[in-house]
Amino acid sequence: TFLEVDGVAELRSDEFTRQDEIGVLTAGTACISVTALRWLDLSTARSREDSYFQPWPTDALQVLGRGVVGVSSNAVVHPDWRGTLLAPPENCAAKPVRLVYAAVGLTIQRFFESPAHCSVAVTRNDRRMDRICQSLGASSLARISLHGVDADVMRFPRCCVRQVEPALDTLWLRRLGAQELPPVAQRT
């Protein structure tokens, strides 16, 4: 991502080592998507002063209040899998779901199982990640420029999150199992 955006190939290791969890989607032995997750208690100054929040306007951080928030970052779909649609579960009339939507949706599912009162993410708008987050119930707290790209500071309040895709439920139930992803419905 940094190479695409800034022409810089260097990524400091703490971008991943400071994470609490890494969500991974695989197809066979291939890693096709990752998402980083961590939990910050905003009642502590250390969390409020975390470098993740440095580019945020002060009022956007204040909206989060105090207490535990989930931070989702570094969502990436392997280039060979971008545009992939996942088939719905068998015997289900639902439409296929985009892999990127599934990756973000599963992150939100993890948020539901956490003690966090909300989850946040900074979206790359040139990749339409803002639209995916909004379709899942997020709202924008601010627009910023991050690595030279327009980005939205998105907030997923627990009360507003939507997840209606049966394929996500199926994937969530299979987590940590040996089963593969649902069949690919279409690749664009």
Protein backbone atom coordinates (compact mmCIF):
# COMPACT_ATOMS: atom_id res chain seq x y z
CA THR A 1 0.00 0.00 0.00
CA PHE A 2 2.76 2.46 0.86
CA LEU A 3 4.51 1.64 -2.41
CA GLU A 4 1.27 2.36 -4.33
CA VAL A 5 0.48 5.56 -2.48
CA ASP A 6 3.80 7.13 -1.55
CA GLY A 7 6.30 5.24 -3.68
CA VAL A 8 7.83 4.09 -0.38
CA ALA A 9 8.38 0.39 0.18
CA GLU A 10 9.40 0.69 3.85
CA LEU A 11 6.86 -0.32 6.45
CA ARG A 12 7.93 -0.15 10.06
CA SER A 13 7.41 -3.42 11.90
CA ASP A 14 5.49 -1.84 14.79
CA GLU A 15 2.59 -1.25 12.38
CA PHE A 16 1.89 -4.96 12.86
CA THR A 17 3.58 -5.81 16.16
CA ARG A 18 1.47 -3.30 18.07
CA GLN A 19 -1.66 -5.17 16.99
CA ASP A 20 -3.55 -7.45 19.34
CA GLU A 21 -5.00 -9.67 16.63
CA ILE A 22 -4.59 -10.26 12.92
CA GLY A 23 -7.65 -11.48 11.04
CA VAL A 24 -6.71 -13.72 8.12
CA LEU A 25 -8.79 -15.19 5.31
CA THR A 26 -7.26 -18.06 3.39
CA ALA A 27 -8.13 -20.07 0.31
CA GLY A 28 -6.31 -23.37 0.68
CA THR A 29 -2.81 -22.41 1.75
CA ALA A 30 -2.96 -18.92 0.21
CA CYS A 31 -3.48 -15.87 2.41
CA ILE A 32 -5.98 -13.73 0.50
CA SER A 33 -6.84 -11.05 3.07
CA VAL A 34 -5.57 -9.67 6.38
CA THR A 35 -6.92 -7.13 8.82
CA ALA A 36 -5.20 -5.86 11.95
CA LEU A 37 -7.11 -5.34 15.20
CA ARG A 38 -6.28 -3.87 18.54
CA TRP A 39 -8.10 -2.66 21.60
CA LEU A 40 -7.39 0.68 23.27
CA ASP A 41 -8.79 1.95 26.55
CA LEU A 42 -9.37 5.65 25.93
CA SER A 43 -9.69 6.31 29.64
CA THR A 44 -5.87 6.22 29.69
CA ALA A 45 -3.67 9.04 28.38
CA ARG A 46 -1.34 6.49 26.77
CA SER A 47 -4.15 5.26 24.52
CA ARG A 48 -5.45 8.75 23.68
CA GLU A 49 -1.90 9.80 22.74
CA ASP A 50 -1.30 6.74 20.52
CA SER A 51 0.31 7.68 17.19
CA TYR A 52 -2.69 6.17 15.35
CA PHE A 53 -4.74 9.19 16.45
CA GLN A 54 -2.14 11.87 15.56
CA PRO A 55 -3.62 12.77 12.14
CA TRP A 56 -7.15 12.92 13.59
CA PRO A 57 -8.82 16.23 14.42
CA THR A 58 -9.11 16.62 18.20
CA ASP A 59 -12.92 16.71 18.13
CA ALA A 60 -13.09 13.35 16.29
CA LEU A 61 -11.13 11.67 19.07
CA GLN A 62 -13.30 13.37 21.70
CA VAL A 63 -16.45 11.89 20.11
CA LEU A 64 -15.16 8.43 21.04
CA GLY A 65 -15.32 9.32 24.72
CA ARG A 66 -13.68 7.05 27.26
CA GLY A 67 -13.63 3.29 27.50
CA VAL A 68 -12.46 0.52 25.20
CA VAL A 69 -12.53 1.00 21.42
CA GLY A 70 -11.62 -1.46 18.72
CA VAL A 71 -9.18 -0.19 16.11
CA SER A 72 -9.25 -1.86 12.72
CA SER A 73 -6.38 -1.12 10.36
CA ASN A 74 -4.24 -2.43 7.54
CA ALA A 75 -7.10 -4.21 5.76
CA VAL A 76 -5.59 -5.71 2.63
CA VAL A 77 -6.91 -8.07 -0.03
CA HIS A 78 -4.28 -9.85 -2.11
CA PRO A 79 -4.15 -8.27 -5.59
CA ASP A 80 -5.02 -11.59 -7.27
CA TRP A 81 -8.24 -11.75 -5.23
CA ARG A 82 -9.45 -8.16 -5.51
CA GLY A 83 -12.90 -8.02 -7.05
CA THR A 84 -13.72 -11.59 -5.98
CA LEU A 85 -17.29 -12.42 -5.07
CA LEU A 86 -17.98 -15.16 -2.53
CA ALA A 87 -20.98 -17.38 -3.11
CA PRO A 88 -23.68 -17.43 -0.43
CA PRO A 89 -24.13 -20.54 1.72
CA GLU A 90 -25.75 -23.55 0.10
CA ASN A 91 -29.56 -23.43 -0.12
CA CYS A 92 -29.53 -19.67 0.45
CA ALA A 93 -31.04 -17.21 -2.00
CA ALA A 94 -28.70 -14.40 -0.94
CA LYS A 95 -26.48 -12.61 -3.42
CA PRO A 96 -22.71 -13.20 -3.56
CA VAL A 97 -20.65 -10.88 -1.33
CA ARG A 98 -17.42 -9.11 -2.25
CA LEU A 99 -14.34 -10.49 -0.52
CA VAL A 100 -13.32 -7.04 0.73
CA TYR A 101 -16.80 -6.61 2.25
CA ALA A 102 -16.42 -10.00 3.96
CA ALA A 103 -13.01 -9.06 5.37
CA VAL A 104 -14.34 -5.82 6.88
CA GLY A 105 -17.58 -7.48 7.98
CA LEU A 106 -15.70 -10.20 9.86
CA THR A 107 -13.70 -7.51 11.64
CA ILE A 108 -17.00 -5.98 12.76
CA GLN A 109 -18.19 -9.41 13.91
CA ARG A 110 -15.07 -9.64 16.08
CA PHE A 111 -15.89 -6.21 17.49
CA PHE A 112 -19.32 -7.54 18.54
CA GLU A 113 -17.62 -10.18 20.66
CA SER A 114 -15.38 -7.63 22.37
CA PRO A 115 -16.03 -5.33 25.34
CA ALA A 116 -15.50 -2.26 23.11
CA HIS A 117 -18.28 0.32 22.91
CA CYS A 118 -17.33 1.21 19.33
CA SER A 119 -14.86 0.37 16.63
CA VAL A 120 -12.92 2.82 14.47
CA ALA A 121 -11.03 2.71 11.20
CA VAL A 122 -9.38 5.14 8.82
CA THR A 123 -10.46 4.37 5.26
CA ARG A 124 -8.72 4.84 1.95
CA ASN A 125 -11.41 6.60 -0.02
CA ASP A 126 -9.68 6.04 -3.35
CA ARG A 127 -10.35 2.33 -2.72
CA ARG A 128 -13.97 3.05 -1.68
CA MET A 129 -13.39 1.61 1.77
CA ASP A 130 -15.46 4.49 3.15
CA ARG A 131 -18.49 3.18 1.25
CA ILE A 132 -17.99 -0.36 2.50
CA CYS A 133 -17.78 0.88 6.09
CA GLN A 134 -20.88 3.06 5.66
CA SER A 135 -22.80 0.08 4.24
CA LEU A 136 -21.97 -1.76 7.46
CA GLY A 137 -23.27 1.08 9.67
CA ALA A 138 -20.25 3.33 10.17
CA SER A 139 -20.36 7.09 10.05
CA SER A 140 -17.58 9.49 9.20
CA LEU A 141 -16.22 11.62 12.03
CA ALA A 142 -13.78 13.56 9.84
CA ARG A 143 -11.99 13.63 6.50
CA ILE A 144 -8.20 13.66 6.65
CA SER A 145 -5.30 13.15 4.29
CA LEU A 146 -3.22 10.09 5.15
CA HIS A 147 -0.11 9.31 3.09
CA GLY A 148 -1.37 11.81 0.53
CA VAL A 149 -4.74 10.08 0.06
CA ASP A 150 -8.19 11.28 1.17
CA ALA A 151 -9.33 9.17 4.09
CA ASP A 152 -12.31 9.18 6.42
CA VAL A 153 -12.15 8.58 10.16
CA MET A 154 -14.97 6.05 10.52
CA ARG A 155 -16.80 5.10 13.69
CA PHE A 156 -18.85 1.94 14.12
CA PRO A 157 -21.09 2.46 17.17
CA ARG A 158 -22.37 -0.84 18.53
CA CYS A 159 -25.99 0.27 18.15
CA CYS A 160 -25.73 1.07 14.42
CA VAL A 161 -23.68 -1.75 12.95
CA ARG A 162 -25.44 -3.73 10.23
CA GLN A 163 -24.49 -7.14 8.99
CA VAL A 164 -27.01 -8.91 6.85
CA GLU A 165 -24.95 -11.13 4.55
CA PRO A 166 -25.41 -14.87 5.21
CA ALA A 167 -21.93 -15.56 3.78
CA LEU A 168 -20.43 -13.60 6.69
CA ASP A 169 -22.27 -15.73 9.24
CA THR A 170 -21.00 -18.87 7.53
CA LEU A 171 -17.42 -17.59 7.47
CA TRP A 172 -17.60 -16.53 11.11
CA LEU A 173 -18.84 -19.95 12.19
CA ARG A 174 -15.95 -21.57 10.32
CA ARG A 175 -13.24 -19.42 11.90
CA LEU A 176 -10.21 -21.32 13.07
CA GLY A 177 -11.52 -24.38 11.24
CA ALA A 178 -9.99 -26.30 8.40
CA GLN A 179 -12.76 -25.56 5.93
CA GLU A 180 -12.09 -23.30 3.00
CA LEU A 181 -13.95 -20.20 1.86
CA PRO A 182 -17.27 -20.59 0.09
CA PRO A 183 -16.81 -21.10 -3.65
CA VAL A 184 -15.86 -18.10 -5.71
CA ALA A 185 -18.96 -16.92 -7.53
CA GLN A 186 -17.18 -14.56 -9.85
CA ARG A 187 -13.89 -12.79 -10.28
CA THR A 188 -13.82 -9.36 -11.85
